[in-house]
Structures are given as C-alpha cells and as structure tokens.
Amino acid sequence: MTNRKLPSRGWYYFRTGYTIYLAFILAAINMMVVAYYLAIQNIPALRIMFPSFSIWALLVIVIGVPLAIFLGWLHFKKSPTYQSELDIQVEANPYYYKLPPGYWKEVFAPIWLELLRLNLKVLNKEPLTEEEQDQIKELQKKLENLIKGGYVGEPRANVDFEQ
C-alpha cells in the first residue's frame, strides 16, 4: 500500500467502524437511557409498567431487534432505495467495466479467448500450433491450481483502481 492511499483507506475504515459499530451501539444505548430517565421516570403510569431500567431495556430489545430486522428486510426487498444504492456502487466500481485482477484476468478470460480461437480453428479445420498447445497446457495448470485453492497472478492486499 502506498502512503498516498493511507489517508483515504484510514478514512474509509474509520467511517465503517464508526457507523456500523460505535454509532449504532451508542445510539441504541442513548435512546434507551434518554427515553427511560427523561420520559418514563416522569410519567407515573409508565413508571408502574417499567419500574426498572432493565425491564425497559429488555422490552426495547425484544421489540426493537425484530422490528429492525423487518425494516432491514423491507429495505432490501421492497424499497427502491437499495436498488439505487446498487446502481451507484456499479457506477463507481471500475471492475464492472474491466477485468478484475486475479483469476478472472489470469485464467477465465484467457480460457474463454482460447476457446473462441480454438472453435474458429475447428470450424476452419486448422491444426493447432505447438505454441497454442503450450498456451492451453499453461491455462490448464492455472485452472487446476485454482481448483486446488491456490493463487494465480500476484495476490495483493489492496486493489489499484488506476491500473
């Protein structure tokens, strides 16, 4: 990873960690504490229903978790919002428009290209050259390596979008 990318990667990790973990947990705790100590404690009828914070917190969790799951399901299955999010991700991801590094670029695209070439040769009844046979054997080795769980190309920790 280059030093030039470190700030933007750090910013991305910060936003992810903060929004998914810290802000979520702190907001849930804050909502329960504020609602209980500012509202429920000051309303006698509610204080009878929820005599302690732990009973209130348990009720919020028992109702809130399934409700949040249902709202998440609605977001993914019934809302046009999720489709818009995916559209934006597709527009921003260059690998929807070019081959990603790794097995797609090193094995599958060359195999497809070679299959097209070989099909043309078969259609034209041309024999394979020694170089073409070697190329097929090399692709076969790469594919067998992938099937065994190995790597092809240069595995890297970060993806360079400028390539």
Protein backbone atom coordinates (compact mmCIF):
# COMPACT_ATOMS: atom_id res chain seq x y z
CA MET A 1 0.00 0.00 0.00
CA THR A 2 1.34 3.40 -0.91
CA ASN A 3 1.48 6.28 1.56
CA ARG A 4 -0.71 8.25 -0.84
CA LYS A 5 -3.59 5.82 -0.27
CA LEU A 6 -3.19 5.55 3.51
CA PRO A 7 -5.35 8.59 4.43
CA SER A 8 -8.26 7.57 2.21
CA ARG A 9 -8.12 3.96 3.39
CA GLY A 10 -7.98 5.12 7.00
CA TRP A 11 -10.94 7.42 6.40
CA TYR A 12 -12.93 4.55 4.88
CA TYR A 13 -12.12 2.22 7.80
CA PHE A 14 -12.99 4.98 10.28
CA ARG A 15 -16.39 5.63 8.66
CA THR A 16 -17.16 1.92 8.53
CA GLY A 17 -16.15 1.25 12.13
CA TYR A 18 -17.90 4.33 13.44
CA THR A 19 -21.18 3.98 11.56
CA ILE A 20 -21.58 0.21 11.83
CA TYR A 21 -20.26 -0.35 15.33
CA LEU A 22 -19.75 2.72 17.53
CA ALA A 23 -22.60 4.96 16.40
CA PHE A 24 -25.07 2.10 16.27
CA ILE A 25 -24.35 0.86 19.78
CA LEU A 26 -24.10 4.35 21.28
CA ALA A 27 -27.32 5.48 19.60
CA ALA A 28 -29.23 2.43 20.85
CA ILE A 29 -27.97 2.88 24.41
CA ASN A 30 -28.61 6.63 24.25
CA MET A 31 -32.19 6.12 23.06
CA MET A 32 -32.93 3.65 25.85
CA VAL A 33 -31.37 5.82 28.58
CA VAL A 34 -32.92 9.09 27.43
CA ALA A 35 -36.38 7.60 26.92
CA TYR A 36 -36.34 5.88 30.30
CA TYR A 37 -34.84 8.57 32.51
CA LEU A 38 -36.44 11.60 30.86
CA ALA A 39 -39.84 10.22 29.87
CA ILE A 40 -40.75 7.03 31.67
CA GLN A 41 -39.43 8.14 35.08
CA ASN A 42 -41.55 11.32 34.89
CA ILE A 43 -44.83 9.64 33.90
CA PRO A 44 -46.34 7.70 36.83
CA ALA A 45 -48.37 5.28 34.65
CA LEU A 46 -45.27 4.32 32.65
CA ARG A 47 -43.19 4.06 35.82
CA ILE A 48 -45.63 1.40 37.04
CA MET A 49 -45.22 -0.57 33.78
CA PHE A 50 -41.43 -0.18 33.78
CA PRO A 51 -40.25 0.01 37.40
CA SER A 52 -36.59 -0.52 36.41
CA PHE A 53 -34.34 0.36 33.51
CA SER A 54 -33.54 -3.32 32.90
CA ILE A 55 -37.21 -4.16 32.24
CA TRP A 56 -37.41 -1.22 29.81
CA ALA A 57 -34.17 -2.25 28.08
CA LEU A 58 -35.37 -5.85 27.77
CA LEU A 59 -38.65 -4.72 26.19
CA VAL A 60 -36.85 -2.40 23.78
CA ILE A 61 -34.52 -5.23 22.74
CA VAL A 62 -37.30 -7.82 22.41
CA ILE A 63 -39.38 -5.48 20.24
CA GLY A 64 -36.60 -3.43 18.66
CA VAL A 65 -34.44 -6.24 17.28
CA PRO A 66 -37.24 -7.98 15.33
CA LEU A 67 -38.52 -4.58 14.19
CA ALA A 68 -35.05 -3.61 12.95
CA ILE A 69 -34.75 -6.96 11.14
CA PHE A 70 -38.12 -6.38 9.48
CA LEU A 71 -37.15 -2.84 8.45
CA GLY A 72 -33.87 -4.17 7.03
CA TRP A 73 -35.80 -6.78 5.07
CA LEU A 74 -38.12 -4.08 3.74
CA HIS A 75 -35.09 -2.01 2.73
CA PHE A 76 -33.57 -4.83 0.69
CA LYS A 77 -36.70 -6.48 -0.70
CA LYS A 78 -39.38 -3.84 -1.08
CA SER A 79 -37.69 -0.44 -1.27
CA PRO A 80 -36.32 1.26 -4.40
CA THR A 81 -33.60 2.70 -2.16
CA TYR A 82 -31.50 -0.46 -2.19
CA GLN A 83 -31.63 -0.64 -5.99
CA SER A 84 -30.41 2.96 -6.12
CA GLU A 85 -27.54 2.11 -3.76
CA LEU A 86 -26.51 -0.79 -6.00
CA ASP A 87 -26.75 1.40 -9.10
CA ILE A 88 -24.36 3.90 -7.51
CA GLN A 89 -21.94 1.13 -6.49
CA VAL A 90 -21.96 -0.29 -10.02
CA GLU A 91 -21.31 3.15 -11.50
CA ALA A 92 -18.41 3.74 -9.09
CA ASN A 93 -16.77 0.31 -9.41
CA PRO A 94 -14.42 0.14 -12.41
CA TYR A 95 -14.39 -3.67 -12.32
CA TYR A 96 -17.88 -3.76 -13.75
CA TYR A 97 -16.26 -2.38 -16.91
CA LYS A 98 -12.88 -4.14 -16.94
CA LEU A 99 -11.42 -7.43 -15.77
CA PRO A 100 -10.55 -7.54 -12.08
CA PRO A 101 -7.06 -8.72 -11.16
CA GLY A 102 -6.67 -12.32 -10.11
CA TYR A 103 -8.26 -15.44 -11.50
CA TRP A 104 -10.62 -13.60 -13.88
CA LYS A 105 -7.75 -11.86 -15.63
CA GLU A 106 -5.22 -14.69 -15.29
CA VAL A 107 -7.38 -17.75 -16.03
CA PHE A 108 -11.01 -17.35 -17.03
CA ALA A 109 -10.78 -14.58 -19.62
CA PRO A 110 -7.78 -16.25 -21.33
CA ILE A 111 -9.65 -19.59 -21.33
CA TRP A 112 -12.68 -18.01 -22.98
CA LEU A 113 -10.47 -16.27 -25.51
CA GLU A 114 -8.63 -19.51 -26.24
CA LEU A 115 -11.91 -21.39 -26.62
CA LEU A 116 -13.04 -18.84 -29.19
CA ARG A 117 -9.77 -19.19 -31.11
CA LEU A 118 -9.95 -22.98 -30.99
CA ASN A 119 -13.55 -23.01 -32.15
CA LEU A 120 -12.56 -20.86 -35.12
CA LYS A 121 -9.76 -23.31 -35.92
CA VAL A 122 -12.11 -26.27 -35.67
CA LEU A 123 -14.56 -24.51 -37.95
CA ASN A 124 -11.75 -23.81 -40.43
CA LYS A 125 -10.17 -27.27 -39.91
CA GLU A 126 -6.77 -25.80 -38.99
CA PRO A 127 -4.28 -27.79 -36.86
CA LEU A 128 -3.03 -26.41 -33.52
CA THR A 129 0.47 -24.98 -33.42
CA GLU A 130 2.97 -26.00 -30.74
CA GLU A 131 2.64 -22.55 -29.14
CA GLU A 132 -1.14 -22.88 -28.94
CA GLN A 133 -0.85 -26.31 -27.32
CA ASP A 134 1.60 -24.89 -24.75
CA GLN A 135 -0.75 -22.00 -24.05
CA ILE A 136 -3.64 -24.41 -23.45
CA LYS A 137 -1.49 -26.51 -21.11
CA GLU A 138 -0.47 -23.39 -19.17
CA LEU A 139 -4.10 -22.32 -18.79
CA GLN A 140 -4.96 -25.85 -17.70
CA LYS A 141 -2.29 -25.69 -14.97
CA LYS A 142 -3.62 -22.33 -13.75
CA LEU A 143 -7.17 -23.63 -13.63
CA GLU A 144 -6.09 -26.78 -11.76
CA ASN A 145 -4.20 -24.57 -9.30
CA LEU A 146 -7.36 -22.50 -8.69
CA ILE A 147 -9.43 -25.64 -8.18
CA LYS A 148 -6.93 -26.78 -5.53
CA GLY A 149 -7.32 -23.43 -3.73
CA GLY A 150 -4.13 -21.83 -5.00
CA TYR A 151 -3.47 -18.36 -6.37
CA VAL A 152 -2.79 -17.12 -9.86
CA GLY A 153 -1.12 -13.86 -10.71
CA GLU A 154 0.05 -11.62 -7.92
CA PRO A 155 -2.30 -11.63 -4.93
CA ARG A 156 -2.40 -8.23 -3.33
CA ALA A 157 -3.88 -6.73 -0.23
CA ASN A 158 -5.22 -3.66 -1.97
CA VAL A 159 -6.72 -3.14 -5.40
CA ASP A 160 -5.25 -0.40 -7.56
CA PHE A 161 -8.15 1.19 -9.41
CA GLU A 162 -5.82 3.25 -11.61
CA GLN A 163 -4.47 0.18 -13.37
